Amino acid sequence: MSGTRSPSRTAPATRPRSPWKLRLLLWPFATAAVAVNLFLLGLIGVSVGLSGIAPVTALWLSLPLGLPATWAAARWVDGLIAEANRG
């Protein structure tokens, strides 16, 4: 055995990752995804006659909007980790 599995059925094989560390790790990626989506939304707005969103504006708007996106991504990853530990 390589030592990756726990001999007990109730104990997890590895220590669970700290929730704040996971969120800190995911925050730049989620915020960047929000910035890209905001910019593309601005481009769609231009095609229907609205004013566009400048890339710098999309970046500034993504900073506060990245927090809920990070929360959602971390919750999804926590679920995947929990599912992997069950199986």
N, C-alpha and C. Protein backbone atom coordinates (compact mmCIF):
# COMPACT_ATOMS: atom_id res chain seq x y z
N MET A 1 0.84 -1.19 0.00
CA MET A 1 0.00 0.00 0.00
C MET A 1 0.87 1.24 0.00
N SER A 2 0.45 2.24 -0.70
CA SER A 2 1.24 3.45 -0.79
C SER A 2 1.00 4.42 0.35
N GLY A 3 0.04 4.16 1.19
CA GLY A 3 -0.22 5.04 2.33
C GLY A 3 -1.18 6.18 2.02
N THR A 4 -1.81 6.14 0.85
CA THR A 4 -2.73 7.21 0.51
C THR A 4 -4.13 6.97 1.04
N ARG A 5 -4.46 5.76 1.35
CA ARG A 5 -5.79 5.46 1.87
C ARG A 5 -5.73 5.28 3.38
N SER A 6 -6.77 5.72 4.03
CA SER A 6 -6.86 5.56 5.47
C SER A 6 -7.38 4.16 5.78
N PRO A 7 -6.81 3.50 6.77
CA PRO A 7 -7.31 2.16 7.11
C PRO A 7 -8.71 2.21 7.73
N SER A 8 -9.09 3.33 8.30
CA SER A 8 -10.40 3.46 8.92
C SER A 8 -11.41 4.00 7.91
N ARG A 9 -12.63 3.50 7.95
CA ARG A 9 -13.67 3.98 7.03
C ARG A 9 -14.17 5.37 7.41
N THR A 10 -14.05 5.76 8.66
CA THR A 10 -14.59 7.05 9.10
C THR A 10 -13.59 8.18 8.99
N ALA A 11 -12.32 7.89 9.05
CA ALA A 11 -11.31 8.95 9.00
C ALA A 11 -10.97 9.28 7.55
N PRO A 12 -10.85 10.55 7.22
CA PRO A 12 -10.48 10.90 5.85
C PRO A 12 -9.03 10.52 5.56
N ALA A 13 -8.73 10.29 4.29
CA ALA A 13 -7.38 9.89 3.90
C ALA A 13 -6.40 11.05 4.07
N THR A 14 -6.85 12.25 3.83
CA THR A 14 -5.99 13.42 3.97
C THR A 14 -6.68 14.46 4.84
N ARG A 15 -5.89 15.39 5.35
CA ARG A 15 -6.47 16.48 6.13
C ARG A 15 -7.27 17.38 5.22
N PRO A 16 -8.45 17.82 5.64
CA PRO A 16 -9.21 18.73 4.79
C PRO A 16 -8.50 20.08 4.69
N ARG A 17 -8.57 20.68 3.53
CA ARG A 17 -7.93 21.98 3.29
C ARG A 17 -8.71 23.06 4.02
N SER A 18 -7.98 24.01 4.53
CA SER A 18 -8.61 25.12 5.23
C SER A 18 -9.46 25.93 4.25
N PRO A 19 -10.70 26.27 4.60
CA PRO A 19 -11.58 26.97 3.66
C PRO A 19 -11.03 28.32 3.21
N TRP A 20 -10.37 29.05 4.09
CA TRP A 20 -9.87 30.37 3.68
C TRP A 20 -8.71 30.23 2.71
N LYS A 21 -7.92 29.17 2.83
CA LYS A 21 -6.81 28.97 1.90
C LYS A 21 -7.33 28.66 0.50
N LEU A 22 -8.37 27.85 0.44
CA LEU A 22 -8.97 27.53 -0.85
C LEU A 22 -9.55 28.78 -1.50
N ARG A 23 -10.24 29.60 -0.73
CA ARG A 23 -10.82 30.82 -1.28
C ARG A 23 -9.74 31.80 -1.72
N LEU A 24 -8.67 31.89 -0.96
CA LEU A 24 -7.56 32.77 -1.32
C LEU A 24 -6.89 32.29 -2.61
N LEU A 25 -6.80 30.99 -2.78
CA LEU A 25 -6.21 30.43 -3.99
C LEU A 25 -7.11 30.66 -5.21
N LEU A 26 -8.41 30.56 -5.04
CA LEU A 26 -9.34 30.69 -6.16
C LEU A 26 -9.70 32.13 -6.52
N TRP A 27 -9.49 33.08 -5.59
CA TRP A 27 -9.94 34.46 -5.82
C TRP A 27 -9.38 35.09 -7.09
N PRO A 28 -8.07 35.01 -7.39
CA PRO A 28 -7.59 35.65 -8.62
C PRO A 28 -8.21 35.06 -9.89
N PHE A 29 -8.43 33.75 -9.89
CA PHE A 29 -8.99 33.11 -11.08
C PHE A 29 -10.46 33.47 -11.27
N ALA A 30 -11.21 33.47 -10.18
CA ALA A 30 -12.63 33.83 -10.27
C ALA A 30 -12.79 35.30 -10.65
N THR A 31 -11.97 36.17 -10.10
CA THR A 31 -12.04 37.59 -10.41
C THR A 31 -11.66 37.84 -11.87
N ALA A 32 -10.66 37.15 -12.36
CA ALA A 32 -10.29 37.29 -13.77
C ALA A 32 -11.40 36.80 -14.69
N ALA A 33 -12.06 35.72 -14.31
CA ALA A 33 -13.17 35.22 -15.12
C ALA A 33 -14.32 36.22 -15.14
N VAL A 34 -14.59 36.86 -14.02
CA VAL A 34 -15.63 37.89 -13.96
C VAL A 34 -15.25 39.06 -14.86
N ALA A 35 -13.98 39.48 -14.84
CA ALA A 35 -13.53 40.60 -15.67
C ALA A 35 -13.70 40.29 -17.16
N VAL A 36 -13.33 39.10 -17.56
CA VAL A 36 -13.48 38.71 -18.97
C VAL A 36 -14.96 38.70 -19.36
N ASN A 37 -15.79 38.14 -18.50
CA ASN A 37 -17.22 38.08 -18.81
C ASN A 37 -17.84 39.47 -18.86
N LEU A 38 -17.43 40.36 -17.98
CA LEU A 38 -17.96 41.73 -18.03
C LEU A 38 -17.55 42.43 -19.33
N PHE A 39 -16.30 42.26 -19.73
CA PHE A 39 -15.84 42.88 -20.96
C PHE A 39 -16.61 42.32 -22.16
N LEU A 40 -16.80 41.02 -22.20
CA LEU A 40 -17.55 40.42 -23.31
C LEU A 40 -19.02 40.84 -23.29
N LEU A 41 -19.56 41.02 -22.10
CA LEU A 41 -20.93 41.54 -22.00
C LEU A 41 -21.01 42.95 -22.58
N GLY A 42 -19.96 43.75 -22.35
CA GLY A 42 -19.90 45.07 -22.94
C GLY A 42 -19.83 45.01 -24.46
N LEU A 43 -19.11 44.03 -24.99
CA LEU A 43 -19.05 43.88 -26.45
C LEU A 43 -20.40 43.47 -27.02
N ILE A 44 -21.12 42.64 -26.32
CA ILE A 44 -22.47 42.28 -26.76
C ILE A 44 -23.36 43.50 -26.70
N GLY A 45 -23.19 44.33 -25.67
CA GLY A 45 -23.96 45.57 -25.57
C GLY A 45 -23.71 46.50 -26.74
N VAL A 46 -22.47 46.56 -27.22
CA VAL A 46 -22.15 47.39 -28.38
C VAL A 46 -22.89 46.88 -29.61
N SER A 47 -23.00 45.59 -29.76
CA SER A 47 -23.66 45.03 -30.94
C SER A 47 -25.16 45.30 -30.97
N VAL A 48 -25.75 45.59 -29.81
CA VAL A 48 -27.19 45.91 -29.78
C VAL A 48 -27.44 47.40 -29.56
N GLY A 49 -26.37 48.21 -29.65
CA GLY A 49 -26.55 49.65 -29.60
C GLY A 49 -26.28 50.32 -28.27
N LEU A 50 -25.81 49.60 -27.27
CA LEU A 50 -25.47 50.20 -25.98
C LEU A 50 -24.02 50.63 -25.98
N SER A 51 -23.62 51.39 -24.99
CA SER A 51 -22.21 51.76 -24.90
C SER A 51 -21.41 50.58 -24.33
N GLY A 52 -20.16 50.49 -24.73
CA GLY A 52 -19.31 49.38 -24.31
C GLY A 52 -18.69 49.61 -22.94
N ILE A 53 -18.05 48.58 -22.45
CA ILE A 53 -17.33 48.64 -21.17
C ILE A 53 -15.85 48.58 -21.50
N ALA A 54 -15.10 49.55 -21.04
CA ALA A 54 -13.65 49.56 -21.26
C ALA A 54 -13.01 48.42 -20.46
N PRO A 55 -11.90 47.88 -20.95
CA PRO A 55 -11.25 46.78 -20.22
C PRO A 55 -10.86 47.15 -18.79
N VAL A 56 -10.38 48.38 -18.60
CA VAL A 56 -9.98 48.80 -17.24
C VAL A 56 -11.21 48.89 -16.34
N THR A 57 -12.32 49.36 -16.88
CA THR A 57 -13.56 49.42 -16.10
C THR A 57 -14.02 48.02 -15.72
N ALA A 58 -13.90 47.09 -16.65
CA ALA A 58 -14.27 45.70 -16.34
C ALA A 58 -13.39 45.13 -15.24
N LEU A 59 -12.11 45.49 -15.26
CA LEU A 59 -11.21 45.02 -14.19
C LEU A 59 -11.61 45.59 -12.84
N TRP A 60 -11.90 46.90 -12.79
CA TRP A 60 -12.30 47.52 -11.51
C TRP A 60 -13.62 46.95 -11.01
N LEU A 61 -14.57 46.72 -11.91
CA LEU A 61 -15.86 46.17 -11.48
C LEU A 61 -15.74 44.72 -11.04
N SER A 62 -14.74 44.01 -11.56
CA SER A 62 -14.60 42.60 -11.21
C SER A 62 -14.04 42.40 -9.81
N LEU A 63 -13.40 43.41 -9.24
CA LEU A 63 -12.83 43.23 -7.89
C LEU A 63 -13.91 42.93 -6.85
N PRO A 64 -14.97 43.74 -6.73
CA PRO A 64 -16.00 43.34 -5.75
C PRO A 64 -16.87 42.18 -6.23
N LEU A 65 -17.08 42.08 -7.54
CA LEU A 65 -17.92 41.01 -8.06
C LEU A 65 -17.21 39.65 -8.05
N GLY A 66 -15.91 39.67 -7.89
CA GLY A 66 -15.16 38.42 -7.81
C GLY A 66 -15.37 37.68 -6.51
N LEU A 67 -15.78 38.38 -5.47
CA LEU A 67 -15.99 37.72 -4.17
C LEU A 67 -17.13 36.70 -4.20
N PRO A 68 -18.33 37.05 -4.72
CA PRO A 68 -19.36 36.01 -4.79
C PRO A 68 -18.99 34.88 -5.76
N ALA A 69 -18.27 35.22 -6.82
CA ALA A 69 -17.84 34.17 -7.75
C ALA A 69 -16.84 33.24 -7.07
N THR A 70 -15.97 33.79 -6.24
CA THR A 70 -15.02 32.97 -5.49
C THR A 70 -15.74 32.08 -4.50
N TRP A 71 -16.74 32.63 -3.83
CA TRP A 71 -17.52 31.84 -2.87
C TRP A 71 -18.17 30.65 -3.57
N ALA A 72 -18.78 30.91 -4.74
CA ALA A 72 -19.45 29.84 -5.48
C ALA A 72 -18.45 28.79 -5.97
N ALA A 73 -17.32 29.23 -6.47
CA ALA A 73 -16.31 28.28 -6.95
C ALA A 73 -15.75 27.45 -5.80
N ALA A 74 -15.49 28.09 -4.66
CA ALA A 74 -14.96 27.35 -3.51
C ALA A 74 -15.98 26.35 -2.98
N ARG A 75 -17.23 26.72 -3.00
CA ARG A 75 -18.28 25.79 -2.55
C ARG A 75 -18.35 24.58 -3.48
N TRP A 76 -18.21 24.83 -4.78
CA TRP A 76 -18.22 23.75 -5.75
C TRP A 76 -17.02 22.82 -5.54
N VAL A 77 -15.83 23.41 -5.34
CA VAL A 77 -14.63 22.61 -5.13
C VAL A 77 -14.71 21.85 -3.80
N ASP A 78 -15.26 22.47 -2.77
CA ASP A 78 -15.45 21.76 -1.49
C ASP A 78 -16.34 20.53 -1.68
N GLY A 79 -17.37 20.66 -2.49
CA GLY A 79 -18.24 19.53 -2.78
C GLY A 79 -17.51 18.42 -3.52
N LEU A 80 -16.66 18.81 -4.47
CA LEU A 80 -15.87 17.82 -5.19
C LEU A 80 -14.89 17.10 -4.27
N ILE A 81 -14.28 17.85 -3.36
CA ILE A 81 -13.35 17.24 -2.41
C ILE A 81 -14.09 16.29 -1.48
N ALA A 82 -15.24 16.70 -1.00
CA ALA A 82 -16.04 15.84 -0.12
C ALA A 82 -16.46 14.56 -0.85
N GLU A 83 -16.84 14.70 -2.11
CA GLU A 83 -17.24 13.52 -2.89
C GLU A 83 -16.06 12.59 -3.11
N ALA A 84 -14.88 13.14 -3.36
CA ALA A 84 -13.69 12.32 -3.54
C ALA A 84 -13.31 11.59 -2.26
N ASN A 85 -13.50 12.25 -1.12
CA ASN A 85 -13.19 11.61 0.16
C ASN A 85 -14.17 10.51 0.51
N ARG A 86 -15.41 10.62 0.03
CA ARG A 86 -16.40 9.56 0.29
C ARG A 86 -16.11 8.31 -0.52
N GLY A 87 -15.63 8.50 -1.72
CA GLY A 87 -15.49 7.37 -2.64
C GLY A 87 -14.20 6.70 -2.53
